[in-house]
Protein backbone atom coordinates (compact mmCIF):
# COMPACT_ATOMS: atom_id res chain seq x y z
CA UNK A 1 0.00 0.00 0.00
CA UNK A 2 1.33 3.43 -0.87
CA UNK A 3 0.12 6.93 -0.19
CA UNK A 4 1.27 10.33 -1.31
CA UNK A 5 0.06 13.72 -0.07
CA UNK A 6 0.87 17.20 -1.33
CA UNK A 7 -0.18 20.51 0.21
CA UNK A 8 0.35 23.91 -1.37
CA UNK A 9 -0.50 27.32 0.01
CA UNK A 10 -0.83 29.94 -2.71
CA UNK A 11 1.12 33.18 -2.09
CA UNK A 12 -1.77 35.63 -2.56
CA UNK A 13 -2.00 39.22 -1.34
CA UNK A 14 0.75 41.83 -1.08
CA UNK A 15 2.10 40.61 2.25
CA UNK A 16 2.28 37.01 1.02
CA UNK A 17 4.25 38.08 -2.05
CA UNK A 18 6.76 39.78 0.23
CA UNK A 19 7.22 36.55 2.20
CA UNK A 20 6.02 38.02 5.51
CA UNK A 21 5.02 35.86 8.47
CA UNK A 22 1.36 35.04 9.11
CA UNK A 23 0.99 37.74 11.80
CA UNK A 24 2.00 40.43 9.32
CA UNK A 25 -0.43 39.04 6.74
CA UNK A 26 -3.21 39.20 9.31
CA UNK A 27 -2.25 42.77 10.25
CA UNK A 28 -2.15 43.82 6.59
CA UNK A 29 -5.55 42.38 5.89
CA UNK A 30 -7.13 43.97 8.96
CA UNK A 31 -5.61 47.41 8.34
CA UNK A 32 -6.41 47.53 4.64
CA UNK A 33 -9.83 45.93 4.88
CA UNK A 34 -8.67 43.35 2.36
CA UNK A 35 -10.92 40.53 3.62
CA UNK A 36 -10.92 38.53 0.38
CA UNK A 37 -7.12 38.27 0.25
CA UNK A 38 -7.02 35.39 2.73
CA UNK A 39 -5.03 32.24 2.20
CA UNK A 40 -5.89 29.80 -0.59
CA UNK A 41 -4.63 26.26 -0.09
CA UNK A 42 -4.90 23.06 -2.08
CA UNK A 43 -4.27 19.52 -0.93
CA UNK A 44 -4.13 16.30 -2.93
CA UNK A 45 -3.80 12.78 -1.59
CA UNK A 46 -3.21 9.68 -3.72
CA UNK A 47 -3.59 6.18 -2.32
CA UNK A 48 -2.93 2.86 -4.02
CA UNK A 49 -3.27 -0.49 -2.29
CA UNK A 50 -3.15 -4.15 -3.21
CA UNK A 51 -6.20 -6.27 -2.50
CA UNK A 52 -6.78 -7.88 0.86
CA UNK A 53 -6.96 -11.67 1.21
CA UNK A 54 -10.38 -13.34 1.20
CA UNK A 55 -11.49 -16.76 2.41
CA UNK A 56 -13.76 -18.97 0.26
CA UNK A 57 -16.35 -20.72 2.44
CA UNK A 58 -19.08 -23.34 2.09
CA UNK A 59 -22.39 -21.74 3.10
CA UNK A 60 -24.24 -25.10 3.19
CA UNK A 61 -22.11 -26.25 6.13
CA UNK A 62 -23.09 -25.55 9.75
CA UNK A 63 -19.46 -24.58 10.35
CA UNK A 64 -19.07 -21.15 8.72
CA UNK A 65 -15.31 -21.56 8.14
CA UNK A 66 -15.49 -24.83 6.14
CA UNK A 67 -13.67 -24.41 2.82
CA UNK A 68 -14.20 -26.19 -0.52
CA UNK A 69 -11.64 -28.06 -2.58
CA UNK A 70 -9.53 -26.40 -5.27
CA UNK A 71 -10.54 -28.01 -8.57
CA UNK A 72 -7.03 -28.02 -9.98
CA UNK A 73 -6.44 -29.15 -13.56
CA UNK A 74 -4.97 -25.80 -14.59
CA UNK A 75 -8.19 -23.82 -14.01
CA UNK A 76 -7.34 -20.28 -13.01
CA UNK A 77 -9.10 -18.80 -9.97
CA UNK A 78 -9.63 -15.36 -11.50
CA UNK A 79 -11.57 -14.39 -14.62
CA UNK A 80 -10.20 -11.69 -16.91
CA UNK A 81 -12.33 -8.74 -17.98
CA UNK A 82 -14.03 -8.06 -14.64
CA UNK A 83 -13.22 -4.34 -14.98
CA UNK A 84 -14.95 -4.07 -18.36
CA UNK A 85 -18.48 -4.39 -17.01
CA UNK A 86 -18.45 -8.07 -16.10
CA UNK A 87 -18.29 -8.20 -12.33
CA UNK A 88 -17.69 -11.96 -12.11
CA UNK A 89 -14.22 -11.96 -10.54
CA UNK A 90 -13.74 -15.61 -9.50
CA UNK A 91 -14.27 -18.67 -11.68
CA UNK A 92 -16.85 -20.98 -10.05
CA UNK A 93 -15.30 -23.97 -11.90
CA UNK A 94 -12.05 -23.51 -9.94
CA UNK A 95 -13.76 -24.59 -6.69
CA UNK A 96 -15.51 -27.87 -5.81
CA UNK A 97 -17.97 -27.93 -2.88
CA UNK A 98 -17.63 -30.83 -0.45
CA UNK A 99 -20.76 -32.80 0.49
CA UNK A 100 -22.38 -31.94 3.81
CA UNK A 101 -23.32 -34.66 6.33
CA UNK A 102 -27.03 -34.83 7.16
CA UNK A 103 -26.21 -35.79 10.77
CA UNK A 104 -23.81 -33.03 11.76
CA UNK A 105 -24.63 -30.43 9.11
CA UNK A 106 -20.90 -30.00 8.46
CA UNK A 107 -18.68 -31.06 5.57
CA UNK A 108 -17.76 -34.77 5.55
CA UNK A 109 -14.08 -33.81 5.36
CA UNK A 110 -12.05 -30.58 5.31
CA UNK A 111 -11.45 -28.92 1.96
CA UNK A 112 -7.95 -28.66 0.48
CA UNK A 113 -8.26 -24.95 -0.37
CA UNK A 114 -5.93 -22.91 1.79
CA UNK A 115 -7.06 -20.15 4.12
CA UNK A 116 -7.26 -16.73 2.37
CA UNK A 117 -6.55 -18.34 -1.01
CA UNK A 118 -7.79 -15.38 -3.08
CA UNK A 119 -7.35 -11.61 -3.01
CA UNK A 120 -9.95 -8.93 -3.68
CA UNK A 121 -8.96 -6.28 -6.27
CA UNK A 122 -6.75 -3.43 -5.14
CA UNK A 123 -7.76 0.23 -5.13
CA UNK A 124 -6.57 3.55 -6.51
CA UNK A 125 -7.91 6.79 -5.09
CA UNK A 126 -7.16 10.50 -5.52
CA UNK A 127 -8.69 13.02 -3.10
CA UNK A 128 -8.42 16.80 -3.48
CA UNK A 129 -9.22 19.79 -1.29
CA UNK A 130 -9.43 23.50 -2.07
CA UNK A 131 -9.68 25.79 0.96
CA UNK A 132 -9.89 29.56 1.36
CA UNK A 133 -9.50 31.37 4.68
CA UNK A 134 -11.21 34.76 4.96
CA UNK A 135 -10.38 37.19 7.75
CA UNK A 136 -13.70 38.68 8.81
CA UNK A 137 -12.46 40.66 11.83
CA UNK A 138 -9.39 40.61 14.00
CA UNK A 139 -10.86 37.75 15.98
CA UNK A 140 -13.01 35.88 13.44
CA UNK A 141 -11.81 33.82 10.48
CA UNK A 142 -14.06 31.99 8.06
CA UNK A 143 -12.72 28.97 6.22
CA UNK A 144 -14.54 27.81 3.07
CA UNK A 145 -13.53 24.47 1.64
CA UNK A 146 -14.47 22.07 -1.11
CA UNK A 147 -13.42 18.43 -0.83
CA UNK A 148 -13.57 15.88 -3.64
CA UNK A 149 -13.13 12.23 -2.71
CA UNK A 150 -12.27 9.85 -5.57
CA UNK A 151 -11.68 12.91 -7.72
CA UNK A 152 -10.96 11.03 -10.95
CA UNK A 153 -14.03 8.81 -10.44
CA UNK A 154 -11.91 5.67 -10.78
CA UNK A 155 -14.09 2.61 -10.18
CA UNK A 156 -12.78 0.57 -7.25
CA UNK A 157 -14.72 -2.69 -7.12
CA UNK A 158 -15.13 -4.54 -3.82
CA UNK A 159 -17.68 -6.59 -1.92
CA UNK A 160 -16.48 -9.97 -3.18
CA UNK A 161 -19.04 -12.73 -2.46
CA UNK A 162 -16.98 -15.66 -1.12
CA UNK A 163 -19.72 -18.15 -0.16
CA UNK A 164 -19.57 -20.89 -2.79
CA UNK A 165 -23.24 -21.97 -2.58
CA UNK A 166 -24.75 -18.61 -3.56
CA UNK A 167 -25.81 -17.50 -7.04
CA UNK A 168 -23.58 -14.43 -6.76
CA UNK A 169 -20.41 -16.36 -5.82
CA UNK A 170 -17.26 -14.68 -7.11
CA UNK A 171 -19.01 -11.43 -8.03
CA UNK A 172 -17.92 -7.95 -7.00
CA UNK A 173 -21.03 -6.26 -5.64
CA UNK A 174 -19.98 -2.73 -4.60
CA UNK A 175 -18.13 0.16 -6.21
CA UNK A 176 -16.92 3.56 -5.05
CA UNK A 177 -18.29 6.78 -6.51
CA UNK A 178 -17.04 10.34 -6.57
CA UNK A 179 -18.17 12.34 -3.53
CA UNK A 180 -18.13 16.13 -3.26
CA UNK A 181 -18.37 17.98 0.04
CA UNK A 182 -18.64 21.71 0.71
CA UNK A 183 -17.99 23.16 4.15
CA UNK A 184 -17.58 26.35 6.12
CA UNK A 185 -15.92 26.81 9.51
CA UNK A 186 -15.88 29.92 11.67
CA UNK A 187 -12.81 30.23 13.91
CA UNK A 188 -12.72 32.68 16.80
C-alpha atoms as a PDB file:
ATOM      1  CA  UNK A   1       0.000   0.000   0.000  1.00  0.00           C
ATOM      2  CA  UNK A   2       1.329   3.427  -0.866  1.00  0.00           C
ATOM      3  CA  UNK A   3       0.118   6.926  -0.189  1.00  0.00           C
ATOM      4  CA  UNK A   4       1.272  10.335  -1.311  1.00  0.00           C
ATOM      5  CA  UNK A   5       0.062  13.724  -0.074  1.00  0.00           C
ATOM      6  CA  UNK A   6       0.867  17.205  -1.327  1.00  0.00           C
ATOM      7  CA  UNK A   7      -0.181  20.513   0.215  1.00  0.00           C
ATOM      8  CA  UNK A   8       0.346  23.907  -1.374  1.00  0.00           C
ATOM      9  CA  UNK A   9      -0.502  27.318   0.012  1.00  0.00           C
ATOM     10  CA  UNK A  10      -0.827  29.943  -2.715  1.00  0.00           C
ATOM     11  CA  UNK A  11       1.116  33.178  -2.094  1.00  0.00           C
ATOM     12  CA  UNK A  12      -1.769  35.629  -2.555  1.00  0.00           C
ATOM     13  CA  UNK A  13      -2.002  39.216  -1.339  1.00  0.00           C
ATOM     14  CA  UNK A  14       0.754  41.831  -1.083  1.00  0.00           C
ATOM     15  CA  UNK A  15       2.105  40.609   2.247  1.00  0.00           C
ATOM     16  CA  UNK A  16       2.278  37.009   1.021  1.00  0.00           C
ATOM     17  CA  UNK A  17       4.250  38.080  -2.048  1.00  0.00           C
ATOM     18  CA  UNK A  18       6.762  39.779   0.231  1.00  0.00           C
ATOM     19  CA  UNK A  19       7.223  36.555   2.199  1.00  0.00           C
ATOM     20  CA  UNK A  20       6.016  38.022   5.509  1.00  0.00           C
ATOM     21  CA  UNK A  21       5.019  35.865   8.470  1.00  0.00           C
ATOM     22  CA  UNK A  22       1.355  35.041   9.112  1.00  0.00           C
ATOM     23  CA  UNK A  23       0.994  37.741  11.804  1.00  0.00           C
ATOM     24  CA  UNK A  24       2.002  40.427   9.320  1.00  0.00           C
ATOM     25  CA  UNK A  25      -0.431  39.036   6.741  1.00  0.00           C
ATOM     26  CA  UNK A  26      -3.212  39.204   9.315  1.00  0.00           C
ATOM     27  CA  UNK A  27      -2.255  42.772  10.248  1.00  0.00           C
ATOM     28  CA  UNK A  28      -2.145  43.824   6.593  1.00  0.00           C
ATOM     29  CA  UNK A  29      -5.549  42.378   5.886  1.00  0.00           C
ATOM     30  CA  UNK A  30      -7.133  43.970   8.956  1.00  0.00           C
ATOM     31  CA  UNK A  31      -5.612  47.405   8.344  1.00  0.00           C
ATOM     32  CA  UNK A  32      -6.405  47.534   4.641  1.00  0.00           C
ATOM     33  CA  UNK A  33      -9.832  45.934   4.880  1.00  0.00           C
ATOM     34  CA  UNK A  34      -8.669  43.348   2.355  1.00  0.00           C
ATOM     35  CA  UNK A  35     -10.920  40.533   3.618  1.00  0.00           C
ATOM     36  CA  UNK A  36     -10.917  38.529   0.376  1.00  0.00           C
ATOM     37  CA  UNK A  37      -7.117  38.274   0.248  1.00  0.00           C
ATOM     38  CA  UNK A  38      -7.016  35.392   2.733  1.00  0.00           C
ATOM     39  CA  UNK A  39      -5.029  32.235   2.201  1.00  0.00           C
ATOM     40  CA  UNK A  40      -5.889  29.798  -0.591  1.00  0.00           C
ATOM     41  CA  UNK A  41      -4.629  26.263  -0.092  1.00  0.00           C
ATOM     42  CA  UNK A  42      -4.904  23.055  -2.080  1.00  0.00           C
ATOM     43  CA  UNK A  43      -4.274  19.522  -0.925  1.00  0.00           C
ATOM     44  CA  UNK A  44      -4.130  16.304  -2.927  1.00  0.00           C
ATOM     45  CA  UNK A  45      -3.802  12.776  -1.588  1.00  0.00           C
ATOM     46  CA  UNK A  46      -3.208   9.675  -3.724  1.00  0.00           C
ATOM     47  CA  UNK A  47      -3.591   6.178  -2.323  1.00  0.00           C
ATOM     48  CA  UNK A  48      -2.927   2.864  -4.017  1.00  0.00           C
ATOM     49  CA  UNK A  49      -3.274  -0.490  -2.288  1.00  0.00           C
ATOM     50  CA  UNK A  50      -3.150  -4.145  -3.213  1.00  0.00           C
ATOM     51  CA  UNK A  51      -6.200  -6.266  -2.503  1.00  0.00           C
ATOM     52  CA  UNK A  52      -6.779  -7.882   0.859  1.00  0.00           C
ATOM     53  CA  UNK A  53      -6.958 -11.667   1.210  1.00  0.00           C
ATOM     54  CA  UNK A  54     -10.376 -13.345   1.202  1.00  0.00           C
ATOM     55  CA  UNK A  55     -11.486 -16.762   2.408  1.00  0.00           C
ATOM     56  CA  UNK A  56     -13.762 -18.971   0.259  1.00  0.00           C
ATOM     57  CA  UNK A  57     -16.351 -20.720   2.440  1.00  0.00           C
ATOM     58  CA  UNK A  58     -19.082 -23.343   2.094  1.00  0.00           C
ATOM     59  CA  UNK A  59     -22.392 -21.742   3.102  1.00  0.00           C
ATOM     60  CA  UNK A  60     -24.241 -25.097   3.194  1.00  0.00           C
ATOM     61  CA  UNK A  61     -22.112 -26.255   6.132  1.00  0.00           C
ATOM     62  CA  UNK A  62     -23.091 -25.550   9.750  1.00  0.00           C
ATOM     63  CA  UNK A  63     -19.463 -24.575  10.346  1.00  0.00           C
ATOM     64  CA  UNK A  64     -19.069 -21.150   8.724  1.00  0.00           C
ATOM     65  CA  UNK A  65     -15.313 -21.563   8.139  1.00  0.00           C
ATOM     66  CA  UNK A  66     -15.495 -24.826   6.142  1.00  0.00           C
ATOM     67  CA  UNK A  67     -13.667 -24.414   2.821  1.00  0.00           C
ATOM     68  CA  UNK A  68     -14.204 -26.195  -0.517  1.00  0.00           C
ATOM     69  CA  UNK A  69     -11.636 -28.060  -2.584  1.00  0.00           C
ATOM     70  CA  UNK A  70      -9.534 -26.396  -5.267  1.00  0.00           C
ATOM     71  CA  UNK A  71     -10.544 -28.010  -8.570  1.00  0.00           C
ATOM     72  CA  UNK A  72      -7.029 -28.022  -9.976  1.00  0.00           C
ATOM     73  CA  UNK A  73      -6.443 -29.146 -13.557  1.00  0.00           C
ATOM     74  CA  UNK A  74      -4.974 -25.796 -14.591  1.00  0.00           C
ATOM     75  CA  UNK A  75      -8.191 -23.824 -14.010  1.00  0.00           C
ATOM     76  CA  UNK A  76      -7.337 -20.280 -13.012  1.00  0.00           C
ATOM     77  CA  UNK A  77      -9.098 -18.796  -9.969  1.00  0.00           C
ATOM     78  CA  UNK A  78      -9.626 -15.357 -11.500  1.00  0.00           C
ATOM     79  CA  UNK A  79     -11.566 -14.392 -14.617  1.00  0.00           C
ATOM     80  CA  UNK A  80     -10.198 -11.695 -16.907  1.00  0.00           C
ATOM     81  CA  UNK A  81     -12.331  -8.743 -17.976  1.00  0.00           C
ATOM     82  CA  UNK A  82     -14.034  -8.064 -14.645  1.00  0.00           C
ATOM     83  CA  UNK A  83     -13.221  -4.335 -14.976  1.00  0.00           C
ATOM     84  CA  UNK A  84     -14.952  -4.065 -18.359  1.00  0.00           C
ATOM     85  CA  UNK A  85     -18.476  -4.387 -17.011  1.00  0.00           C
ATOM     86  CA  UNK A  86     -18.453  -8.068 -16.097  1.00  0.00           C
ATOM     87  CA  UNK A  87     -18.290  -8.201 -12.334  1.00  0.00           C
ATOM     88  CA  UNK A  88     -17.687 -11.961 -12.108  1.00  0.00           C
ATOM     89  CA  UNK A  89     -14.222 -11.962 -10.539  1.00  0.00           C
ATOM     90  CA  UNK A  90     -13.741 -15.610  -9.503  1.00  0.00           C
ATOM     91  CA  UNK A  91     -14.273 -18.673 -11.678  1.00  0.00           C
ATOM     92  CA  UNK A  92     -16.846 -20.984 -10.053  1.00  0.00           C
ATOM     93  CA  UNK A  93     -15.300 -23.965 -11.904  1.00  0.00           C
ATOM     94  CA  UNK A  94     -12.047 -23.509  -9.944  1.00  0.00           C
ATOM     95  CA  UNK A  95     -13.757 -24.592  -6.690  1.00  0.00           C
ATOM     96  CA  UNK A  96     -15.512 -27.867  -5.811  1.00  0.00           C
ATOM     97  CA  UNK A  97     -17.974 -27.931  -2.881  1.00  0.00           C
ATOM     98  CA  UNK A  98     -17.629 -30.826  -0.445  1.00  0.00           C
ATOM     99  CA  UNK A  99     -20.760 -32.802   0.492  1.00  0.00           C
ATOM    100  CA  UNK A 100     -22.385 -31.937   3.814  1.00  0.00           C
ATOM    101  CA  UNK A 101     -23.319 -34.661   6.329  1.00  0.00           C
ATOM    102  CA  UNK A 102     -27.027 -34.833   7.155  1.00  0.00           C
ATOM    103  CA  UNK A 103     -26.209 -35.791  10.768  1.00  0.00           C
ATOM    104  CA  UNK A 104     -23.810 -33.031  11.759  1.00  0.00           C
ATOM    105  CA  UNK A 105     -24.631 -30.431   9.106  1.00  0.00           C
ATOM    106  CA  UNK A 106     -20.903 -29.999   8.455  1.00  0.00           C
ATOM    107  CA  UNK A 107     -18.683 -31.065   5.571  1.00  0.00           C
ATOM    108  CA  UNK A 108     -17.757 -34.768   5.548  1.00  0.00           C
ATOM    109  CA  UNK A 109     -14.078 -33.810   5.359  1.00  0.00           C
ATOM    110  CA  UNK A 110     -12.052 -30.576   5.312  1.00  0.00           C
ATOM    111  CA  UNK A 111     -11.451 -28.915   1.956  1.00  0.00           C
ATOM    112  CA  UNK A 112      -7.952 -28.663   0.476  1.00  0.00           C
ATOM    113  CA  UNK A 113      -8.261 -24.950  -0.375  1.00  0.00           C
ATOM    114  CA  UNK A 114      -5.934 -22.912   1.794  1.00  0.00           C
ATOM    115  CA  UNK A 115      -7.063 -20.147   4.119  1.00  0.00           C
ATOM    116  CA  UNK A 116      -7.259 -16.729   2.375  1.00  0.00           C
ATOM    117  CA  UNK A 117      -6.552 -18.343  -1.007  1.00  0.00           C
ATOM    118  CA  UNK A 118      -7.793 -15.383  -3.076  1.00  0.00           C
ATOM    119  CA  UNK A 119      -7.351 -11.613  -3.011  1.00  0.00           C
ATOM    120  CA  UNK A 120      -9.946  -8.926  -3.684  1.00  0.00           C
ATOM    121  CA  UNK A 121      -8.964  -6.278  -6.273  1.00  0.00           C
ATOM    122  CA  UNK A 122      -6.750  -3.429  -5.144  1.00  0.00           C
ATOM    123  CA  UNK A 123      -7.760   0.228  -5.134  1.00  0.00           C
ATOM    124  CA  UNK A 124      -6.568   3.552  -6.506  1.00  0.00           C
ATOM    125  CA  UNK A 125      -7.909   6.787  -5.087  1.00  0.00           C
ATOM    126  CA  UNK A 126      -7.161  10.500  -5.516  1.00  0.00           C
ATOM    127  CA  UNK A 127      -8.692  13.016  -3.096  1.00  0.00           C
ATOM    128  CA  UNK A 128      -8.417  16.801  -3.484  1.00  0.00           C
ATOM    129  CA  UNK A 129      -9.218  19.794  -1.285  1.00  0.00           C
ATOM    130  CA  UNK A 130      -9.426  23.495  -2.073  1.00  0.00           C
ATOM    131  CA  UNK A 131      -9.682  25.787   0.963  1.00  0.00           C
ATOM    132  CA  UNK A 132      -9.895  29.557   1.360  1.00  0.00           C
ATOM    133  CA  UNK A 133      -9.498  31.374   4.679  1.00  0.00           C
ATOM    134  CA  UNK A 134     -11.212  34.764   4.956  1.00  0.00           C
ATOM    135  CA  UNK A 135     -10.380  37.189   7.755  1.00  0.00           C
ATOM    136  CA  UNK A 136     -13.702  38.682   8.814  1.00  0.00           C
ATOM    137  CA  UNK A 137     -12.457  40.659  11.828  1.00  0.00           C
ATOM    138  CA  UNK A 138      -9.387  40.614  13.999  1.00  0.00           C
ATOM    139  CA  UNK A 139     -10.863  37.752  15.982  1.00  0.00           C
ATOM    140  CA  UNK A 140     -13.011  35.884  13.439  1.00  0.00           C
ATOM    141  CA  UNK A 141     -11.808  33.825  10.482  1.00  0.00           C
ATOM    142  CA  UNK A 142     -14.058  31.994   8.057  1.00  0.00           C
ATOM    143  CA  UNK A 143     -12.716  28.972   6.221  1.00  0.00           C
ATOM    144  CA  UNK A 144     -14.543  27.814   3.068  1.00  0.00           C
ATOM    145  CA  UNK A 145     -13.532  24.475   1.640  1.00  0.00           C
ATOM    146  CA  UNK A 146     -14.473  22.069  -1.113  1.00  0.00           C
ATOM    147  CA  UNK A 147     -13.419  18.432  -0.835  1.00  0.00           C
ATOM    148  CA  UNK A 148     -13.570  15.877  -3.639  1.00  0.00           C
ATOM    149  CA  UNK A 149     -13.135  12.225  -2.711  1.00  0.00           C
ATOM    150  CA  UNK A 150     -12.267   9.845  -5.566  1.00  0.00           C
ATOM    151  CA  UNK A 151     -11.676  12.912  -7.715  1.00  0.00           C
ATOM    152  CA  UNK A 152     -10.956  11.032 -10.948  1.00  0.00           C
ATOM    153  CA  UNK A 153     -14.032   8.814 -10.439  1.00  0.00           C
ATOM    154  CA  UNK A 154     -11.915   5.665 -10.784  1.00  0.00           C
ATOM    155  CA  UNK A 155     -14.086   2.605 -10.179  1.00  0.00           C
ATOM    156  CA  UNK A 156     -12.780   0.566  -7.248  1.00  0.00           C
ATOM    157  CA  UNK A 157     -14.722  -2.691  -7.123  1.00  0.00           C
ATOM    158  CA  UNK A 158     -15.129  -4.537  -3.823  1.00  0.00           C
ATOM    159  CA  UNK A 159     -17.677  -6.589  -1.922  1.00  0.00           C
ATOM    160  CA  UNK A 160     -16.479  -9.972  -3.179  1.00  0.00           C
ATOM    161  CA  UNK A 161     -19.037 -12.727  -2.463  1.00  0.00           C
ATOM    162  CA  UNK A 162     -16.985 -15.657  -1.121  1.00  0.00           C
ATOM    163  CA  UNK A 163     -19.719 -18.148  -0.158  1.00  0.00           C
ATOM    164  CA  UNK A 164     -19.566 -20.888  -2.792  1.00  0.00           C
ATOM    165  CA  UNK A 165     -23.240 -21.967  -2.581  1.00  0.00           C
ATOM    166  CA  UNK A 166     -24.747 -18.606  -3.557  1.00  0.00           C
ATOM    167  CA  UNK A 167     -25.809 -17.502  -7.042  1.00  0.00           C
ATOM    168  CA  UNK A 168     -23.575 -14.433  -6.761  1.00  0.00           C
ATOM    169  CA  UNK A 169     -20.411 -16.359  -5.821  1.00  0.00           C
ATOM    170  CA  UNK A 170     -17.263 -14.677  -7.106  1.00  0.00           C
ATOM    171  CA  UNK A 171     -19.010 -11.434  -8.030  1.00  0.00           C
ATOM    172  CA  UNK A 172     -17.921  -7.947  -7.005  1.00  0.00           C
ATOM    173  CA  UNK A 173     -21.033  -6.259  -5.639  1.00  0.00           C
ATOM    174  CA  UNK A 174     -19.985  -2.726  -4.602  1.00  0.00           C
ATOM    175  CA  UNK A 175     -18.127   0.160  -6.207  1.00  0.00           C
ATOM    176  CA  UNK A 176     -16.924   3.561  -5.050  1.00  0.00           C
ATOM    177  CA  UNK A 177     -18.293   6.777  -6.512  1.00  0.00           C
ATOM    178  CA  UNK A 178     -17.042  10.343  -6.571  1.00  0.00           C
ATOM    179  CA  UNK A 179     -18.170  12.339  -3.529  1.00  0.00           C
ATOM    180  CA  UNK A 180     -18.130  16.128  -3.259  1.00  0.00           C
ATOM    181  CA  UNK A 181     -18.366  17.984   0.038  1.00  0.00           C
ATOM    182  CA  UNK A 182     -18.644  21.706   0.710  1.00  0.00           C
ATOM    183  CA  UNK A 183     -17.994  23.155   4.147  1.00  0.00           C
ATOM    184  CA  UNK A 184     -17.576  26.346   6.118  1.00  0.00           C
ATOM    185  CA  UNK A 185     -15.919  26.811   9.508  1.00  0.00           C
ATOM    186  CA  UNK A 186     -15.875  29.925  11.672  1.00  0.00           C
ATOM    187  CA  UNK A 187     -12.814  30.231  13.908  1.00  0.00           C
ATOM    188  CA  UNK A 188     -12.724  32.680  16.796  1.00  0.00           C
END
